[in-house]
PDB file of N, CA and C in Angstrom:
ATOM      1  N   MET A   1      22.830  10.617  -9.753  1.00  0.00           N
ATOM      2  CA  MET A   1      21.635  10.833  -8.976  1.00  0.00           C
ATOM      3  C   MET A   1      21.354  12.330  -8.876  1.00  0.00           C
ATOM      4  N   ILE A   2      20.098  12.693  -8.904  1.00  0.00           N
ATOM      5  CA  ILE A   2      19.703  14.096  -8.826  1.00  0.00           C
ATOM      6  C   ILE A   2      19.879  14.602  -7.398  1.00  0.00           C
ATOM      7  N   GLN A   3      20.495  15.767  -7.278  1.00  0.00           N
ATOM      8  CA  GLN A   3      20.670  16.372  -5.964  1.00  0.00           C
ATOM      9  C   GLN A   3      19.347  16.999  -5.516  1.00  0.00           C
ATOM     10  N   LYS A   4      18.981  16.755  -4.268  1.00  0.00           N
ATOM     11  CA  LYS A   4      17.754  17.322  -3.713  1.00  0.00           C
ATOM     12  C   LYS A   4      18.109  18.522  -2.850  1.00  0.00           C
ATOM     13  N   PRO A   5      17.197  19.493  -2.809  1.00  0.00           N
ATOM     14  CA  PRO A   5      17.437  20.621  -1.897  1.00  0.00           C
ATOM     15  C   PRO A   5      17.436  20.135  -0.446  1.00  0.00           C
ATOM     16  N   ASP A   6      18.128  20.855   0.433  1.00  0.00           N
ATOM     17  CA  ASP A   6      18.229  20.479   1.841  1.00  0.00           C
ATOM     18  C   ASP A   6      16.866  20.338   2.507  1.00  0.00           C
ATOM     19  N   TRP A   7      15.891  21.140   2.062  1.00  0.00           N
ATOM     20  CA  TRP A   7      14.582  21.143   2.716  1.00  0.00           C
ATOM     21  C   TRP A   7      13.703  19.967   2.286  1.00  0.00           C
ATOM     22  N   GLN A   8      14.064  19.269   1.225  1.00  0.00           N
ATOM     23  CA  GLN A   8      13.222  18.177   0.720  1.00  0.00           C
ATOM     24  C   GLN A   8      13.411  16.916   1.555  1.00  0.00           C
ATOM     25  N   TRP A   9      12.287  16.313   1.963  1.00  0.00           N
ATOM     26  CA  TRP A   9      12.288  15.099   2.786  1.00  0.00           C
ATOM     27  C   TRP A   9      12.868  13.933   2.005  1.00  0.00           C
ATOM     28  N   ASP A  10      13.698  13.142   2.645  1.00  0.00           N
ATOM     29  CA  ASP A  10      14.272  11.940   2.039  1.00  0.00           C
ATOM     30  C   ASP A  10      13.321  10.777   2.303  1.00  0.00           C
ATOM     31  N   GLU A  11      12.526  10.396   1.313  1.00  0.00           N
ATOM     32  CA  GLU A  11      11.535   9.335   1.463  1.00  0.00           C
ATOM     33  C   GLU A  11      12.172   7.971   1.734  1.00  0.00           C
ATOM     34  N   MET A  12      13.428   7.812   1.417  1.00  0.00           N
ATOM     35  CA  MET A  12      14.094   6.530   1.598  1.00  0.00           C
ATOM     36  C   MET A  12      14.679   6.377   3.007  1.00  0.00           C
ATOM     37  N   GLN A  13      14.696   7.449   3.787  1.00  0.00           N
ATOM     38  CA  GLN A  13      15.240   7.394   5.137  1.00  0.00           C
ATOM     39  C   GLN A  13      14.220   6.747   6.071  1.00  0.00           C
ATOM     40  N   GLN A  14      14.611   5.677   6.736  1.00  0.00           N
ATOM     41  CA  GLN A  14      13.729   4.972   7.669  1.00  0.00           C
ATOM     42  C   GLN A  14      13.640   5.752   8.971  1.00  0.00           C
ATOM     43  N   VAL A  15      12.425   6.106   9.347  1.00  0.00           N
ATOM     44  CA  VAL A  15      12.176   6.803  10.600  1.00  0.00           C
ATOM     45  C   VAL A  15      10.995   6.123  11.272  1.00  0.00           C
ATOM     46  N   GLY A  16      11.118   5.815  12.541  1.00  0.00           N
ATOM     47  CA  GLY A  16       9.999   5.209  13.251  1.00  0.00           C
ATOM     48  C   GLY A  16       9.922   3.713  13.025  1.00  0.00           C
ATOM     49  N   THR A  17       8.689   3.192  13.009  1.00  0.00           N
ATOM     50  CA  THR A  17       8.462   1.751  12.883  1.00  0.00           C
ATOM     51  C   THR A  17       8.929   1.250  11.529  1.00  0.00           C
ATOM     52  N   ASP A  18       9.629   0.137  11.522  1.00  0.00           N
ATOM     53  CA  ASP A  18      10.143  -0.444  10.279  1.00  0.00           C
ATOM     54  C   ASP A  18       9.121  -1.426   9.715  1.00  0.00           C
ATOM     55  N   TYR A  19       8.295  -0.942   8.794  1.00  0.00           N
ATOM     56  CA  TYR A  19       7.250  -1.794   8.217  1.00  0.00           C
ATOM     57  C   TYR A  19       7.777  -2.708   7.108  1.00  0.00           C
ATOM     58  N   THR A  20       9.094  -2.767   6.936  1.00  0.00           N
ATOM     59  CA  THR A  20       9.653  -3.798   6.060  1.00  0.00           C
ATOM     60  C   THR A  20       9.835  -5.087   6.845  1.00  0.00           C
ATOM     61  N   ASP A  21       9.699  -5.008   8.171  1.00  0.00           N
ATOM     62  CA  ASP A  21       9.792  -6.176   9.044  1.00  0.00           C
ATOM     63  C   ASP A  21       8.404  -6.803   9.150  1.00  0.00           C
ATOM     64  N   LEU A  22       8.249  -8.017   8.624  1.00  0.00           N
ATOM     65  CA  LEU A  22       6.934  -8.662   8.590  1.00  0.00           C
ATOM     66  C   LEU A  22       6.339  -8.834   9.985  1.00  0.00           C
ATOM     67  N   LYS A  23       7.172  -9.009  11.006  1.00  0.00           N
ATOM     68  CA  LYS A  23       6.654  -9.112  12.376  1.00  0.00           C
ATOM     69  C   LYS A  23       6.010  -7.796  12.808  1.00  0.00           C
ATOM     70  N   GLU A  24       6.599  -6.676  12.393  1.00  0.00           N
ATOM     71  CA  GLU A  24       6.011  -5.368  12.697  1.00  0.00           C
ATOM     72  C   GLU A  24       4.664  -5.224  11.980  1.00  0.00           C
ATOM     73  N   VAL A  25       4.607  -5.685  10.741  1.00  0.00           N
ATOM     74  CA  VAL A  25       3.365  -5.603   9.969  1.00  0.00           C
ATOM     75  C   VAL A  25       2.277  -6.451  10.620  1.00  0.00           C
ATOM     76  N   GLU A  26       2.630  -7.651  11.046  1.00  0.00           N
ATOM     77  CA  GLU A  26       1.663  -8.519  11.718  1.00  0.00           C
ATOM     78  C   GLU A  26       1.168  -7.872  13.014  1.00  0.00           C
ATOM     79  N   ALA A  27       2.071  -7.279  13.781  1.00  0.00           N
ATOM     80  CA  ALA A  27       1.690  -6.602  15.022  1.00  0.00           C
ATOM     81  C   ALA A  27       0.772  -5.416  14.722  1.00  0.00           C
ATOM     82  N   TYR A  28       1.076  -4.677  13.659  1.00  0.00           N
ATOM     83  CA  TYR A  28       0.244  -3.542  13.246  1.00  0.00           C
ATOM     84  C   TYR A  28      -1.162  -4.029  12.890  1.00  0.00           C
ATOM     85  N   ASN A  29      -1.238  -5.079  12.074  1.00  0.00           N
ATOM     86  CA  ASN A  29      -2.543  -5.611  11.675  1.00  0.00           C
ATOM     87  C   ASN A  29      -3.351  -6.065  12.886  1.00  0.00           C
ATOM     88  N   LYS A  30      -2.669  -6.666  13.851  1.00  0.00           N
ATOM     89  CA  LYS A  30      -3.358  -7.105  15.067  1.00  0.00           C
ATOM     90  C   LYS A  30      -3.885  -5.912  15.854  1.00  0.00           C
ATOM     91  N   ARG A  31      -3.060  -4.870  15.991  1.00  0.00           N
ATOM     92  CA  ARG A  31      -3.507  -3.659  16.694  1.00  0.00           C
ATOM     93  C   ARG A  31      -4.710  -3.036  16.000  1.00  0.00           C
ATOM     94  N   MET A  32      -4.673  -2.965  14.670  1.00  0.00           N
ATOM     95  CA  MET A  32      -5.776  -2.366  13.918  1.00  0.00           C
ATOM     96  C   MET A  32      -7.056  -3.178  14.079  1.00  0.00           C
ATOM     97  N   ALA A  33      -6.930  -4.511  14.165  1.00  0.00           N
ATOM     98  CA  ALA A  33      -8.099  -5.387  14.295  1.00  0.00           C
ATOM     99  C   ALA A  33      -8.812  -5.167  15.626  1.00  0.00           C
ATOM    100  N   ASP A  34      -8.103  -4.581  16.606  1.00  0.00           N
ATOM    101  CA  ASP A  34      -8.723  -4.316  17.906  1.00  0.00           C
ATOM    102  C   ASP A  34      -9.792  -3.229  17.830  1.00  0.00           C
ATOM    103  N   PHE A  35      -9.670  -2.318  16.861  1.00  0.00           N
ATOM    104  CA  PHE A  35     -10.653  -1.227  16.809  1.00  0.00           C
ATOM    105  C   PHE A  35     -11.171  -0.931  15.400  1.00  0.00           C
ATOM    106  N   ARG A  36     -10.761  -1.718  14.416  1.00  0.00           N
ATOM    107  CA  ARG A  36     -11.243  -1.538  13.041  1.00  0.00           C
ATOM    108  C   ARG A  36     -11.828  -2.841  12.539  1.00  0.00           C
ATOM    109  N   ASN A  37     -12.786  -2.710  11.651  1.00  0.00           N
ATOM    110  CA  ASN A  37     -13.333  -3.857  10.948  1.00  0.00           C
ATOM    111  C   ASN A  37     -13.106  -3.592   9.460  1.00  0.00           C
ATOM    112  N   VAL A  38     -11.974  -4.038   8.956  1.00  0.00           N
ATOM    113  CA  VAL A  38     -11.568  -3.724   7.585  1.00  0.00           C
ATOM    114  C   VAL A  38     -12.572  -4.266   6.572  1.00  0.00           C
ATOM    115  N   ASP A  39     -13.104  -5.465   6.808  1.00  0.00           N
ATOM    116  CA  ASP A  39     -14.097  -6.013   5.882  1.00  0.00           C
ATOM    117  C   ASP A  39     -15.320  -5.108   5.804  1.00  0.00           C
ATOM    118  N   ALA A  40     -15.799  -4.631   6.946  1.00  0.00           N
ATOM    119  CA  ALA A  40     -16.949  -3.724   6.961  1.00  0.00           C
ATOM    120  C   ALA A  40     -16.606  -2.407   6.257  1.00  0.00           C
ATOM    121  N   GLU A  41     -15.389  -1.904   6.474  1.00  0.00           N
ATOM    122  CA  GLU A  41     -14.961  -0.673   5.807  1.00  0.00           C
ATOM    123  C   GLU A  41     -14.956  -0.862   4.293  1.00  0.00           C
ATOM    124  N   ASN A  42     -14.452  -2.016   3.837  1.00  0.00           N
ATOM    125  CA  ASN A  42     -14.428  -2.296   2.397  1.00  0.00           C
ATOM    126  C   ASN A  42     -15.835  -2.378   1.826  1.00  0.00           C
ATOM    127  N   ARG A  43     -16.741  -3.036   2.553  1.00  0.00           N
ATOM    128  CA  ARG A  43     -18.132  -3.120   2.087  1.00  0.00           C
ATOM    129  C   ARG A  43     -18.754  -1.731   2.003  1.00  0.00           C
ATOM    130  N   GLU A  44     -18.465  -0.876   2.986  1.00  0.00           N
ATOM    131  CA  GLU A  44     -19.005   0.485   2.971  1.00  0.00           C
ATOM    132  C   GLU A  44     -18.473   1.272   1.771  1.00  0.00           C
ATOM    133  N   ILE A  45     -17.204   1.106   1.469  1.00  0.00           N
ATOM    134  CA  ILE A  45     -16.616   1.789   0.309  1.00  0.00           C
ATOM    135  C   ILE A  45     -17.316   1.334  -0.973  1.00  0.00           C
ATOM    136  N   LEU A  46     -17.493   0.013  -1.114  1.00  0.00           N
ATOM    137  CA  LEU A  46     -18.148  -0.506  -2.320  1.00  0.00           C
ATOM    138  C   LEU A  46     -19.586  -0.026  -2.417  1.00  0.00           C
ATOM    139  N   THR A  47     -20.289   0.045  -1.294  1.00  0.00           N
ATOM    140  CA  THR A  47     -21.660   0.552  -1.289  1.00  0.00           C
ATOM    141  C   THR A  47     -21.672   2.015  -1.718  1.00  0.00           C
ATOM    142  N   THR A  48     -20.739   2.794  -1.197  1.00  0.00           N
ATOM    143  CA  THR A  48     -20.647   4.216  -1.531  1.00  0.00           C
ATOM    144  C   THR A  48     -20.338   4.418  -3.011  1.00  0.00           C
ATOM    145  N   LEU A  49     -19.459   3.579  -3.564  1.00  0.00           N
ATOM    146  CA  LEU A  49     -19.106   3.699  -4.988  1.00  0.00           C
ATOM    147  C   LEU A  49     -20.281   3.345  -5.897  1.00  0.00           C
ATOM    148  N   ASP A  50     -21.168   2.474  -5.406  1.00  0.00           N
ATOM    149  CA  ASP A  50     -22.359   2.072  -6.157  1.00  0.00           C
ATOM    150  C   ASP A  50     -21.999   1.646  -7.586  1.00  0.00           C
ATOM    151  N   LEU A  51     -21.068   0.722  -7.685  1.00  0.00           N
ATOM    152  CA  LEU A  51     -20.582   0.263  -8.983  1.00  0.00           C
ATOM    153  C   LEU A  51     -21.616  -0.613  -9.676  1.00  0.00           C
ATOM    154  N   PRO A  52     -21.630  -0.594 -11.002  1.00  0.00           N
ATOM    155  CA  PRO A  52     -22.546  -1.473 -11.725  1.00  0.00           C
ATOM    156  C   PRO A  52     -22.112  -2.936 -11.592  1.00  0.00           C
ATOM    157  N   ALA A  53     -23.041  -3.841 -11.822  1.00  0.00           N
ATOM    158  CA  ALA A  53     -22.737  -5.273 -11.749  1.00  0.00           C
ATOM    159  C   ALA A  53     -21.593  -5.610 -12.699  1.00  0.00           C
ATOM    160  N   GLY A  54     -20.675  -6.429 -12.224  1.00  0.00           N
ATOM    161  CA  GLY A  54     -19.554  -6.863 -13.053  1.00  0.00           C
ATOM    162  C   GLY A  54     -18.388  -5.888 -13.083  1.00  0.00           C
ATOM    163  N   ALA A  55     -18.498  -4.770 -12.372  1.00  0.00           N
ATOM    164  CA  ALA A  55     -17.407  -3.793 -12.356  1.00  0.00           C
ATOM    165  C   ALA A  55     -16.224  -4.357 -11.589  1.00  0.00           C
ATOM    166  N   SER A  56     -15.051  -3.879 -11.922  1.00  0.00           N
ATOM    167  CA  SER A  56     -13.831  -4.287 -11.225  1.00  0.00           C
ATOM    168  C   SER A  56     -13.249  -3.096 -10.499  1.00  0.00           C
ATOM    169  N   VAL A  57     -12.647  -3.367  -9.355  1.00  0.00           N
ATOM    170  CA  VAL A  57     -11.959  -2.332  -8.595  1.00  0.00           C
ATOM    171  C   VAL A  57     -10.520  -2.775  -8.461  1.00  0.00           C
ATOM    172  N   LEU A  58      -9.603  -1.890  -8.787  1.00  0.00           N
ATOM    173  CA  LEU A  58      -8.186  -2.186  -8.683  1.00  0.00           C
ATOM    174  C   LEU A  58      -7.577  -1.235  -7.667  1.00  0.00           C
ATOM    175  N   GLU A  59      -7.022  -1.786  -6.622  1.00  0.00           N
ATOM    176  CA  GLU A  59      -6.341  -0.976  -5.617  1.00  0.00           C
ATOM    177  C   GLU A  59      -4.854  -1.242  -5.777  1.00  0.00           C
ATOM    178  N   ILE A  60      -4.124  -0.185  -6.025  1.00  0.00           N
ATOM    179  CA  ILE A  60      -2.678  -0.327  -6.199  1.00  0.00           C
ATOM    180  C   ILE A  60      -1.999   0.243  -4.961  1.00  0.00           C
ATOM    181  N   VAL A  61      -1.284  -0.606  -4.263  1.00  0.00           N
ATOM    182  CA  VAL A  61      -0.588  -0.186  -3.061  1.00  0.00           C
ATOM    183  C   VAL A  61       0.871  -0.600  -3.198  1.00  0.00           C
ATOM    184  N   ALA A  62       1.746   0.345  -3.058  1.00  0.00           N
ATOM    185  CA  ALA A  62       3.174   0.030  -3.118  1.00  0.00           C
ATOM    186  C   ALA A  62       3.767   0.254  -1.731  1.00  0.00           C
ATOM    187  N   SER A  63       3.174  -0.404  -0.768  1.00  0.00           N
ATOM    188  CA  SER A  63       3.644  -0.234   0.609  1.00  0.00           C
ATOM    189  C   SER A  63       5.024  -0.854   0.773  1.00  0.00           C
ATOM    190  N   THR A  64       5.678  -0.475   1.839  1.00  0.00           N
ATOM    191  CA  THR A  64       6.997  -1.040   2.122  1.00  0.00           C
ATOM    192  C   THR A  64       6.896  -2.543   2.315  1.00  0.00           C
ATOM    193  N   CYS A  65       5.819  -2.964   2.971  1.00  0.00           N
ATOM    194  CA  CYS A  65       5.637  -4.395   3.211  1.00  0.00           C
ATOM    195  C   CYS A  65       5.505  -5.141   1.882  1.00  0.00           C
ATOM    196  N   LEU A  66       4.679  -4.613   0.984  1.00  0.00           N
ATOM    197  CA  LEU A  66       4.508  -5.247  -0.325  1.00  0.00           C
ATOM    198  C   LEU A  66       5.833  -5.281  -1.072  1.00  0.00           C
ATOM    199  N   ARG A  67       6.565  -4.185  -1.032  1.00  0.00           N
ATOM    200  CA  ARG A  67       7.862  -4.143  -1.715  1.00  0.00           C
ATOM    201  C   ARG A  67       8.779  -5.225  -1.155  1.00  0.00           C
ATOM    202  N   ARG A  68       8.749  -5.421   0.167  1.00  0.00           N
ATOM    203  CA  ARG A  68       9.600  -6.449   0.781  1.00  0.00           C
ATOM    204  C   ARG A  68       9.141  -7.842   0.363  1.00  0.00           C
ATOM    205  N   GLN A  69       7.809  -8.056   0.371  1.00  0.00           N
ATOM    206  CA  GLN A  69       7.290  -9.369   0.001  1.00  0.00           C
ATOM    207  C   GLN A  69       7.634  -9.707  -1.446  1.00  0.00           C
ATOM    208  N   LEU A  70       7.702  -8.700  -2.308  1.00  0.00           N
ATOM    209  CA  LEU A  70       8.056  -8.922  -3.705  1.00  0.00           C
ATOM    210  C   LEU A  70       9.566  -8.987  -3.917  1.00  0.00           C
ATOM    211  N   GLY A  71      10.312  -8.738  -2.847  1.00  0.00           N
ATOM    212  CA  GLY A  71      11.765  -8.793  -2.957  1.00  0.00           C
ATOM    213  C   GLY A  71      12.358  -7.576  -3.637  1.00  0.00           C
ATOM    214  N   LEU A  72      11.626  -6.459  -3.626  1.00  0.00           N
ATOM    215  CA  LEU A  72      12.130  -5.252  -4.270  1.00  0.00           C
ATOM    216  C   LEU A  72      13.093  -4.526  -3.346  1.00  0.00           C
ATOM    217  N   LYS A  73      14.145  -4.015  -3.905  1.00  0.00           N
ATOM    218  CA  LYS A  73      15.131  -3.254  -3.141  1.00  0.00           C
ATOM    219  C   LYS A  73      14.884  -1.774  -3.378  1.00  0.00           C
ATOM    220  N   ASP A  74      15.457  -0.950  -2.504  1.00  0.00           N
ATOM    221  CA  ASP A  74      15.352   0.491  -2.713  1.00  0.00           C
ATOM    222  C   ASP A  74      15.844   0.836  -4.107  1.00  0.00           C
ATOM    223  N   GLY A  75      15.085   1.664  -4.789  1.00  0.00           N
ATOM    224  CA  GLY A  75      15.469   2.075  -6.132  1.00  0.00           C
ATOM    225  C   GLY A  75      14.833   1.225  -7.223  1.00  0.00           C
ATOM    226  N   ASN A  76      14.314   0.017  -6.881  1.00  0.00           N
ATOM    227  CA  ASN A  76      13.612  -0.780  -7.884  1.00  0.00           C
ATOM    228  C   ASN A  76      12.343  -0.056  -8.309  1.00  0.00           C
ATOM    229  N   LYS A  77      12.039  -0.142  -9.571  1.00  0.00           N
ATOM    230  CA  LYS A  77      10.818   0.459 -10.098  1.00  0.00           C
ATOM    231  C   LYS A  77       9.731  -0.604 -10.149  1.00  0.00           C
ATOM    232  N   VAL A  78       8.497  -0.171  -9.997  1.00  0.00           N
ATOM    233  CA  VAL A  78       7.358  -1.068 -10.121  1.00  0.00           C
ATOM    234  C   VAL A  78       6.592  -0.636 -11.357  1.00  0.00           C
ATOM    235  N   LYS A  79       6.432  -1.543 -12.291  1.00  0.00           N
ATOM    236  CA  LYS A  79       5.688  -1.232 -13.511  1.00  0.00           C
ATOM    237  C   LYS A  79       4.329  -1.906 -13.413  1.00  0.00           C
ATOM    238  N   ILE A  80       3.292  -1.122 -13.594  1.00  0.00           N
ATOM    239  CA  ILE A  80       1.934  -1.644 -13.530  1.00  0.00           C
ATOM    240  C   ILE A  80       1.262  -1.385 -14.870  1.00  0.00           C
ATOM    241  N   GLU A  81       0.768  -2.437 -15.463  1.00  0.00           N
ATOM    242  CA  GLU A  81       0.039  -2.316 -16.721  1.00  0.00           C
ATOM    243  C   GLU A  81      -1.413  -2.672 -16.474  1.00  0.00           C
ATOM    244  N   ILE A  82      -2.305  -1.846 -16.979  1.00  0.00           N
ATOM    245  CA  ILE A  82      -3.725  -2.099 -16.849  1.00  0.00           C
ATOM    246  C   ILE A  82      -4.289  -2.323 -18.253  1.00  0.00           C
ATOM    247  N   LEU A  83      -4.810  -3.502 -18.469  1.00  0.00           N
ATOM    248  CA  LEU A  83      -5.383  -3.823 -19.764  1.00  0.00           C
ATOM    249  C   LEU A  83      -6.902  -3.796 -19.641  1.00  0.00           C
ATOM    250  N   ILE A  84      -7.554  -3.072 -20.517  1.00  0.00           N
ATOM    251  CA  ILE A  84      -9.006  -2.980 -20.479  1.00  0.00           C
ATOM    252  C   ILE A  84      -9.554  -3.584 -21.752  1.00  0.00           C
ATOM    253  N   ASN A  85     -10.366  -4.595 -21.586  1.00  0.00           N
ATOM    254  CA  ASN A  85     -11.015  -5.218 -22.749  1.00  0.00           C
ATOM    255  C   ASN A  85     -12.410  -4.615 -22.906  1.00  0.00           C
ATOM    256  N   PRO A  86     -12.704  -4.113 -24.112  1.00  0.00           N
ATOM    257  CA  PRO A  86     -14.040  -3.511 -24.309  1.00  0.00           C
ATOM    258  C   PRO A  86     -15.137  -4.549 -24.245  1.00  0.00           C
TER     259      PRO A  86
END
C-alpha cells in the first residue's frame, strides 16, 4: 500500500454519521424531504440543461450507501463502462 503523508486526509476513516447504515440513509432522506423537493430540483436541472429530444443523462454516484447496497467492501473498485451508439 502507498504511504500517505501525515497531512493527507484518510477518506476511508469514518467520521460523523455512518451513511453505510441504511436506517441512517432513510432518516437523512426523510429530513431532506422536509425542506427539499428533489423531483422539482431534477426538473429544474433538466430545464437548465435544455437537452435535445431523446438525449440521455447519466448520473454516476458512488456514495457509501450505494457501495453498501452493491455489497462493495472498502478497497473494491467500481468499473463503469459507457457505450455510445452513433
